[in-house]
Amino acid sequence: MFDIGFSELLLVAVVGLLVLGPERLPTAIRTTSLWVGRLRRQFTEIRAEVEREIGADEIRAQLRNEEIMEQLRESREVIESTSRELRQPLVEAAAPEQKREEPPAA
């Protein structure tokens, strides 16, 4: 997360030792460590919750897309069956006319 090397940590420890003194430094380190741990846990929980929500939204969107595709398939089937129903009388009506126009086979 942070790019802190050994020399920076040593500098922080020396400054902390000078500012807080040897009696309060262990308590301050312990308290700081607890707060850092709590913050990390909170960030981890928030990240996991956001990822779950994003995943749930993606699933909802995918289900919605599948519903739309199913509706499109049903509409296509209805249109095709209606088209067949409308074409059938036209084909039947055109068939006797074609027989009349054809010359007799010799």
C-alpha atoms as a PDB file:
ATOM      1  CA  MET A   1       0.000   0.000   0.000  1.00  0.00           C
ATOM      2  CA  PHE A   2       2.638   2.513   1.070  1.00  0.00           C
ATOM      3  CA  ASP A   3       6.183   2.367  -0.167  1.00  0.00           C
ATOM      4  CA  ILE A   4       7.912   2.562   3.212  1.00  0.00           C
ATOM      5  CA  GLY A   5      11.367   1.090   3.502  1.00  0.00           C
ATOM      6  CA  PHE A   6      13.392   0.072   6.525  1.00  0.00           C
ATOM      7  CA  SER A   7      15.135   3.446   6.776  1.00  0.00           C
ATOM      8  CA  GLU A   8      11.801   5.303   6.950  1.00  0.00           C
ATOM      9  CA  LEU A   9      10.511   2.941   9.640  1.00  0.00           C
ATOM     10  CA  LEU A  10      13.718   3.403  11.631  1.00  0.00           C
ATOM     11  CA  LEU A  11      13.380   7.194  11.358  1.00  0.00           C
ATOM     12  CA  VAL A  12       9.760   7.060  12.567  1.00  0.00           C
ATOM     13  CA  ALA A  13      10.786   4.828  15.491  1.00  0.00           C
ATOM     14  CA  VAL A  14      13.590   7.186  16.537  1.00  0.00           C
ATOM     15  CA  VAL A  15      11.306  10.252  16.324  1.00  0.00           C
ATOM     16  CA  GLY A  16       8.625   8.385  18.267  1.00  0.00           C
ATOM     17  CA  LEU A  17      11.150   7.405  20.916  1.00  0.00           C
ATOM     18  CA  LEU A  18      12.315  11.002  21.246  1.00  0.00           C
ATOM     19  CA  VAL A  19       8.805  12.502  21.325  1.00  0.00           C
ATOM     20  CA  LEU A  20       6.984   9.920  23.486  1.00  0.00           C
ATOM     21  CA  GLY A  21       9.814   8.505  25.502  1.00  0.00           C
ATOM     22  CA  PRO A  22      10.601   4.882  26.277  1.00  0.00           C
ATOM     23  CA  GLU A  23       7.692   4.502  28.747  1.00  0.00           C
ATOM     24  CA  ARG A  24       4.830   5.504  26.438  1.00  0.00           C
ATOM     25  CA  LEU A  25       6.250   4.300  23.088  1.00  0.00           C
ATOM     26  CA  PRO A  26       5.144   0.606  23.425  1.00  0.00           C
ATOM     27  CA  THR A  27       1.602   1.694  24.358  1.00  0.00           C
ATOM     28  CA  ALA A  28       1.480   4.127  21.446  1.00  0.00           C
ATOM     29  CA  ILE A  29       2.703   1.461  19.011  1.00  0.00           C
ATOM     30  CA  ARG A  30       0.134  -1.019  20.329  1.00  0.00           C
ATOM     31  CA  THR A  31      -2.702   1.529  20.014  1.00  0.00           C
ATOM     32  CA  THR A  32      -1.598   2.540  16.525  1.00  0.00           C
ATOM     33  CA  SER A  33      -1.403  -1.109  15.482  1.00  0.00           C
ATOM     34  CA  LEU A  34      -4.940  -1.737  16.760  1.00  0.00           C
ATOM     35  CA  TRP A  35      -6.293   1.257  14.833  1.00  0.00           C
ATOM     36  CA  VAL A  36      -4.470   0.241  11.663  1.00  0.00           C
ATOM     37  CA  GLY A  37      -5.859  -3.289  12.011  1.00  0.00           C
ATOM     38  CA  ARG A  38      -9.390  -1.971  12.485  1.00  0.00           C
ATOM     39  CA  LEU A  39      -9.068   0.280   9.457  1.00  0.00           C
ATOM     40  CA  ARG A  40      -7.790  -2.590   7.322  1.00  0.00           C
ATOM     41  CA  ARG A  41     -10.681  -4.809   8.421  1.00  0.00           C
ATOM     42  CA  GLN A  42     -13.199  -2.061   7.677  1.00  0.00           C
ATOM     43  CA  PHE A  43     -11.729  -1.462   4.222  1.00  0.00           C
ATOM     44  CA  THR A  44     -11.741  -5.200   3.537  1.00  0.00           C
ATOM     45  CA  GLU A  45     -15.380  -5.505   4.619  1.00  0.00           C
ATOM     46  CA  ILE A  46     -16.402  -2.508   2.534  1.00  0.00           C
ATOM     47  CA  ARG A  47     -14.567  -3.841  -0.512  1.00  0.00           C
ATOM     48  CA  ALA A  48     -16.196  -7.275  -0.099  1.00  0.00           C
ATOM     49  CA  GLU A  49     -19.638  -5.701   0.253  1.00  0.00           C
ATOM     50  CA  VAL A  50     -19.149  -3.547  -2.840  1.00  0.00           C
ATOM     51  CA  GLU A  51     -17.947  -6.567  -4.818  1.00  0.00           C
ATOM     52  CA  ARG A  52     -21.004  -8.555  -3.692  1.00  0.00           C
ATOM     53  CA  GLU A  53     -23.289  -5.702  -4.737  1.00  0.00           C
ATOM     54  CA  ILE A  54     -21.571  -5.371  -8.103  1.00  0.00           C
ATOM     55  CA  GLY A  55     -21.892  -9.116  -8.612  1.00  0.00           C
ATOM     56  CA  ALA A  56     -25.580  -8.990  -7.684  1.00  0.00           C
ATOM     57  CA  ASP A  57     -26.160  -6.124 -10.122  1.00  0.00           C
ATOM     58  CA  GLU A  58     -24.421  -8.057 -12.898  1.00  0.00           C
ATOM     59  CA  ILE A  59     -26.562 -11.108 -12.179  1.00  0.00           C
ATOM     60  CA  ARG A  60     -29.733  -8.987 -12.232  1.00  0.00           C
ATOM     61  CA  ALA A  61     -28.691  -7.432 -15.540  1.00  0.00           C
ATOM     62  CA  GLN A  62     -27.913 -10.833 -17.018  1.00  0.00           C
ATOM     63  CA  LEU A  63     -31.281 -12.222 -15.897  1.00  0.00           C
ATOM     64  CA  ARG A  64     -33.021  -9.195 -17.381  1.00  0.00           C
ATOM     65  CA  ASN A  65     -31.169  -9.714 -20.670  1.00  0.00           C
ATOM     66  CA  GLU A  66     -32.207 -13.367 -20.692  1.00  0.00           C
ATOM     67  CA  GLU A  67     -35.843 -12.347 -20.127  1.00  0.00           C
ATOM     68  CA  ILE A  68     -35.645  -9.902 -23.025  1.00  0.00           C
ATOM     69  CA  MET A  69     -34.086 -12.538 -25.282  1.00  0.00           C
ATOM     70  CA  GLU A  70     -36.863 -15.002 -24.379  1.00  0.00           C
ATOM     71  CA  GLN A  71     -39.487 -12.380 -25.191  1.00  0.00           C
ATOM     72  CA  LEU A  72     -37.786 -11.732 -28.530  1.00  0.00           C
ATOM     73  CA  ARG A  73     -37.777 -15.469 -29.317  1.00  0.00           C
ATOM     74  CA  GLU A  74     -41.474 -15.726 -28.494  1.00  0.00           C
ATOM     75  CA  SER A  75     -42.255 -12.677 -30.643  1.00  0.00           C
ATOM     76  CA  ARG A  76     -40.266 -14.153 -33.515  1.00  0.00           C
ATOM     77  CA  GLU A  77     -42.170 -17.435 -33.272  1.00  0.00           C
ATOM     78  CA  VAL A  78     -45.502 -15.572 -33.293  1.00  0.00           C
ATOM     79  CA  ILE A  79     -44.469 -13.517 -36.323  1.00  0.00           C
ATOM     80  CA  GLU A  80     -43.241 -16.588 -38.205  1.00  0.00           C
ATOM     81  CA  SER A  81     -46.422 -18.574 -37.482  1.00  0.00           C
ATOM     82  CA  THR A  82     -48.578 -15.614 -38.537  1.00  0.00           C
ATOM     83  CA  SER A  83     -46.541 -15.274 -41.708  1.00  0.00           C
ATOM     84  CA  ARG A  84     -47.037 -18.964 -42.506  1.00  0.00           C
ATOM     85  CA  GLU A  85     -50.770 -18.657 -41.856  1.00  0.00           C
ATOM     86  CA  LEU A  86     -51.015 -15.659 -44.187  1.00  0.00           C
ATOM     87  CA  ARG A  87     -48.892 -17.236 -46.919  1.00  0.00           C
ATOM     88  CA  GLN A  88     -50.782 -20.542 -47.012  1.00  0.00           C
ATOM     89  CA  PRO A  89     -54.029 -19.164 -48.554  1.00  0.00           C
ATOM     90  CA  LEU A  90     -51.989 -17.184 -51.075  1.00  0.00           C
ATOM     91  CA  VAL A  91     -50.040 -20.263 -52.136  1.00  0.00           C
ATOM     92  CA  GLU A  92     -53.253 -22.298 -52.418  1.00  0.00           C
ATOM     93  CA  ALA A  93     -54.934 -19.564 -54.462  1.00  0.00           C
ATOM     94  CA  ALA A  94     -51.949 -19.260 -56.781  1.00  0.00           C
ATOM     95  CA  ALA A  95     -51.682 -23.023 -57.368  1.00  0.00           C
ATOM     96  CA  PRO A  96     -54.884 -23.416 -59.506  1.00  0.00           C
ATOM     97  CA  GLU A  97     -53.938 -20.369 -61.580  1.00  0.00           C
ATOM     98  CA  GLN A  98     -50.547 -21.884 -62.385  1.00  0.00           C
ATOM     99  CA  LYS A  99     -52.218 -25.113 -63.527  1.00  0.00           C
ATOM    100  CA  ARG A 100     -54.440 -23.168 -65.935  1.00  0.00           C
ATOM    101  CA  GLU A 101     -51.553 -21.247 -67.440  1.00  0.00           C
ATOM    102  CA  GLU A 102     -49.368 -24.296 -68.040  1.00  0.00           C
ATOM    103  CA  PRO A 103     -49.754 -25.769 -71.535  1.00  0.00           C
ATOM    104  CA  PRO A 104     -50.779 -29.419 -71.650  1.00  0.00           C
ATOM    105  CA  ALA A 105     -47.941 -31.835 -71.865  1.00  0.00           C
ATOM    106  CA  ALA A 106     -47.788 -33.622 -75.199  1.00  0.00           C
END
